[in-house]
């Protein structure tokens, strides 16, 4: 069984005049910047592996790979689920 940890990240977002969010990039815990190519979907959904308060799930493409970002609705903090290496 794989265990996961919640890793909080910084996310750069552009909000247009209609109020739509365009996710631009995320900054990983070591300072690396990853550009978000495309947002595939967004919906209210709990994290797949870690417990959390109510979250909004964003399925995105980063460097050609599908990834999932979460935003805690009560704190507005962004995170990803990272597999623990034991």
C-alpha atoms as a PDB file:
ATOM      1  CA  UNK A   1       0.000   0.000   0.000  1.00  0.00           C
ATOM      2  CA  UNK A   2       1.377   3.380  -1.008  1.00  0.00           C
ATOM      3  CA  UNK A   3       1.057   6.211   1.520  1.00  0.00           C
ATOM      4  CA  UNK A   4       0.765   9.834   0.491  1.00  0.00           C
ATOM      5  CA  UNK A   5       1.491  13.194   2.051  1.00  0.00           C
ATOM      6  CA  UNK A   6      -0.071  16.568   1.412  1.00  0.00           C
ATOM      7  CA  UNK A   7       2.430  19.049  -0.075  1.00  0.00           C
ATOM      8  CA  UNK A   8       1.337  22.684  -0.133  1.00  0.00           C
ATOM      9  CA  UNK A   9       2.364  24.602  -3.264  1.00  0.00           C
ATOM     10  CA  UNK A  10       2.143  28.150  -4.586  1.00  0.00           C
ATOM     11  CA  UNK A  11      -0.079  28.546  -7.639  1.00  0.00           C
ATOM     12  CA  UNK A  12      -0.039  31.447 -10.096  1.00  0.00           C
ATOM     13  CA  UNK A  13      -3.507  32.241 -11.432  1.00  0.00           C
ATOM     14  CA  UNK A  14      -4.844  34.796 -13.896  1.00  0.00           C
ATOM     15  CA  UNK A  15      -8.474  35.807 -13.453  1.00  0.00           C
ATOM     16  CA  UNK A  16     -10.104  37.322 -16.534  1.00  0.00           C
ATOM     17  CA  UNK A  17     -12.721  40.086 -16.622  1.00  0.00           C
ATOM     18  CA  UNK A  18     -15.502  37.475 -16.525  1.00  0.00           C
ATOM     19  CA  UNK A  19     -14.076  35.958 -13.336  1.00  0.00           C
ATOM     20  CA  UNK A  20     -12.730  32.782 -14.927  1.00  0.00           C
ATOM     21  CA  UNK A  21      -9.512  31.390 -13.442  1.00  0.00           C
ATOM     22  CA  UNK A  22      -6.625  30.384 -15.684  1.00  0.00           C
ATOM     23  CA  UNK A  23      -4.026  28.359 -13.785  1.00  0.00           C
ATOM     24  CA  UNK A  24      -0.584  29.375 -15.052  1.00  0.00           C
ATOM     25  CA  UNK A  25       2.036  27.617 -12.922  1.00  0.00           C
ATOM     26  CA  UNK A  26       2.835  26.014  -9.602  1.00  0.00           C
ATOM     27  CA  UNK A  27       5.932  26.316  -7.442  1.00  0.00           C
ATOM     28  CA  UNK A  28       7.108  23.052  -5.907  1.00  0.00           C
ATOM     29  CA  UNK A  29       8.459  22.861  -2.346  1.00  0.00           C
ATOM     30  CA  UNK A  30      12.079  23.093  -3.564  1.00  0.00           C
ATOM     31  CA  UNK A  31      11.420  26.258  -5.587  1.00  0.00           C
ATOM     32  CA  UNK A  32      11.083  24.701  -9.048  1.00  0.00           C
ATOM     33  CA  UNK A  33       8.380  26.244 -11.247  1.00  0.00           C
ATOM     34  CA  UNK A  34       6.131  24.019 -13.368  1.00  0.00           C
ATOM     35  CA  UNK A  35       3.987  25.626 -16.055  1.00  0.00           C
ATOM     36  CA  UNK A  36       0.408  24.416 -16.381  1.00  0.00           C
ATOM     37  CA  UNK A  37      -0.342  23.747 -20.048  1.00  0.00           C
ATOM     38  CA  UNK A  38      -4.084  23.225 -19.682  1.00  0.00           C
ATOM     39  CA  UNK A  39      -6.860  22.783 -17.131  1.00  0.00           C
ATOM     40  CA  UNK A  40      -8.887  19.695 -18.041  1.00  0.00           C
ATOM     41  CA  UNK A  41     -11.550  19.918 -15.331  1.00  0.00           C
ATOM     42  CA  UNK A  42     -12.430  21.428 -11.999  1.00  0.00           C
ATOM     43  CA  UNK A  43     -14.970  20.169  -9.505  1.00  0.00           C
ATOM     44  CA  UNK A  44     -15.672  19.781  -5.820  1.00  0.00           C
ATOM     45  CA  UNK A  45     -14.064  16.508  -4.759  1.00  0.00           C
ATOM     46  CA  UNK A  46     -12.205  15.124  -1.755  1.00  0.00           C
ATOM     47  CA  UNK A  47      -8.536  14.219  -2.191  1.00  0.00           C
ATOM     48  CA  UNK A  48      -7.923  10.677  -3.398  1.00  0.00           C
ATOM     49  CA  UNK A  49      -5.359   9.734  -0.725  1.00  0.00           C
ATOM     50  CA  UNK A  50      -5.038  12.294   2.072  1.00  0.00           C
ATOM     51  CA  UNK A  51      -7.646  13.658   4.429  1.00  0.00           C
ATOM     52  CA  UNK A  52      -8.593  17.295   4.098  1.00  0.00           C
ATOM     53  CA  UNK A  53     -11.283  19.841   4.560  1.00  0.00           C
ATOM     54  CA  UNK A  54     -13.643  20.424   1.647  1.00  0.00           C
ATOM     55  CA  UNK A  55     -11.565  20.755  -1.534  1.00  0.00           C
ATOM     56  CA  UNK A  56     -11.893  21.766  -5.156  1.00  0.00           C
ATOM     57  CA  UNK A  57     -10.052  19.394  -7.493  1.00  0.00           C
ATOM     58  CA  UNK A  58      -8.284  20.618 -10.630  1.00  0.00           C
ATOM     59  CA  UNK A  59      -7.147  18.098 -13.241  1.00  0.00           C
ATOM     60  CA  UNK A  60      -4.384  19.779 -15.238  1.00  0.00           C
ATOM     61  CA  UNK A  61      -1.666  19.042 -17.785  1.00  0.00           C
ATOM     62  CA  UNK A  62       1.869  19.936 -16.689  1.00  0.00           C
ATOM     63  CA  UNK A  63       4.693  19.302 -19.142  1.00  0.00           C
ATOM     64  CA  UNK A  64       2.470  16.931 -21.123  1.00  0.00           C
ATOM     65  CA  UNK A  65       1.375  14.840 -18.103  1.00  0.00           C
ATOM     66  CA  UNK A  66      -1.968  14.811 -16.345  1.00  0.00           C
ATOM     67  CA  UNK A  67      -1.730  15.886 -12.701  1.00  0.00           C
ATOM     68  CA  UNK A  68      -4.175  16.783  -9.947  1.00  0.00           C
ATOM     69  CA  UNK A  69      -4.140  19.923  -7.785  1.00  0.00           C
ATOM     70  CA  UNK A  70      -6.443  20.617  -4.867  1.00  0.00           C
ATOM     71  CA  UNK A  71      -7.539  23.882  -3.263  1.00  0.00           C
ATOM     72  CA  UNK A  72      -8.882  23.825   0.281  1.00  0.00           C
ATOM     73  CA  UNK A  73     -12.061  25.877   0.195  1.00  0.00           C
ATOM     74  CA  UNK A  74     -11.859  27.036   3.822  1.00  0.00           C
ATOM     75  CA  UNK A  75      -8.183  28.110   3.792  1.00  0.00           C
ATOM     76  CA  UNK A  76      -7.695  28.747   0.044  1.00  0.00           C
ATOM     77  CA  UNK A  77      -4.406  26.796   0.232  1.00  0.00           C
ATOM     78  CA  UNK A  78      -3.272  24.677  -2.730  1.00  0.00           C
ATOM     79  CA  UNK A  79      -1.737  21.211  -2.427  1.00  0.00           C
ATOM     80  CA  UNK A  80      -0.821  18.041  -4.283  1.00  0.00           C
ATOM     81  CA  UNK A  81      -0.692  14.472  -3.054  1.00  0.00           C
ATOM     82  CA  UNK A  82       2.878  13.151  -3.073  1.00  0.00           C
ATOM     83  CA  UNK A  83       3.717   9.450  -2.637  1.00  0.00           C
ATOM     84  CA  UNK A  84       5.902   8.804   0.414  1.00  0.00           C
ATOM     85  CA  UNK A  85       9.142   6.961  -0.244  1.00  0.00           C
ATOM     86  CA  UNK A  86       9.717   4.539   2.597  1.00  0.00           C
END
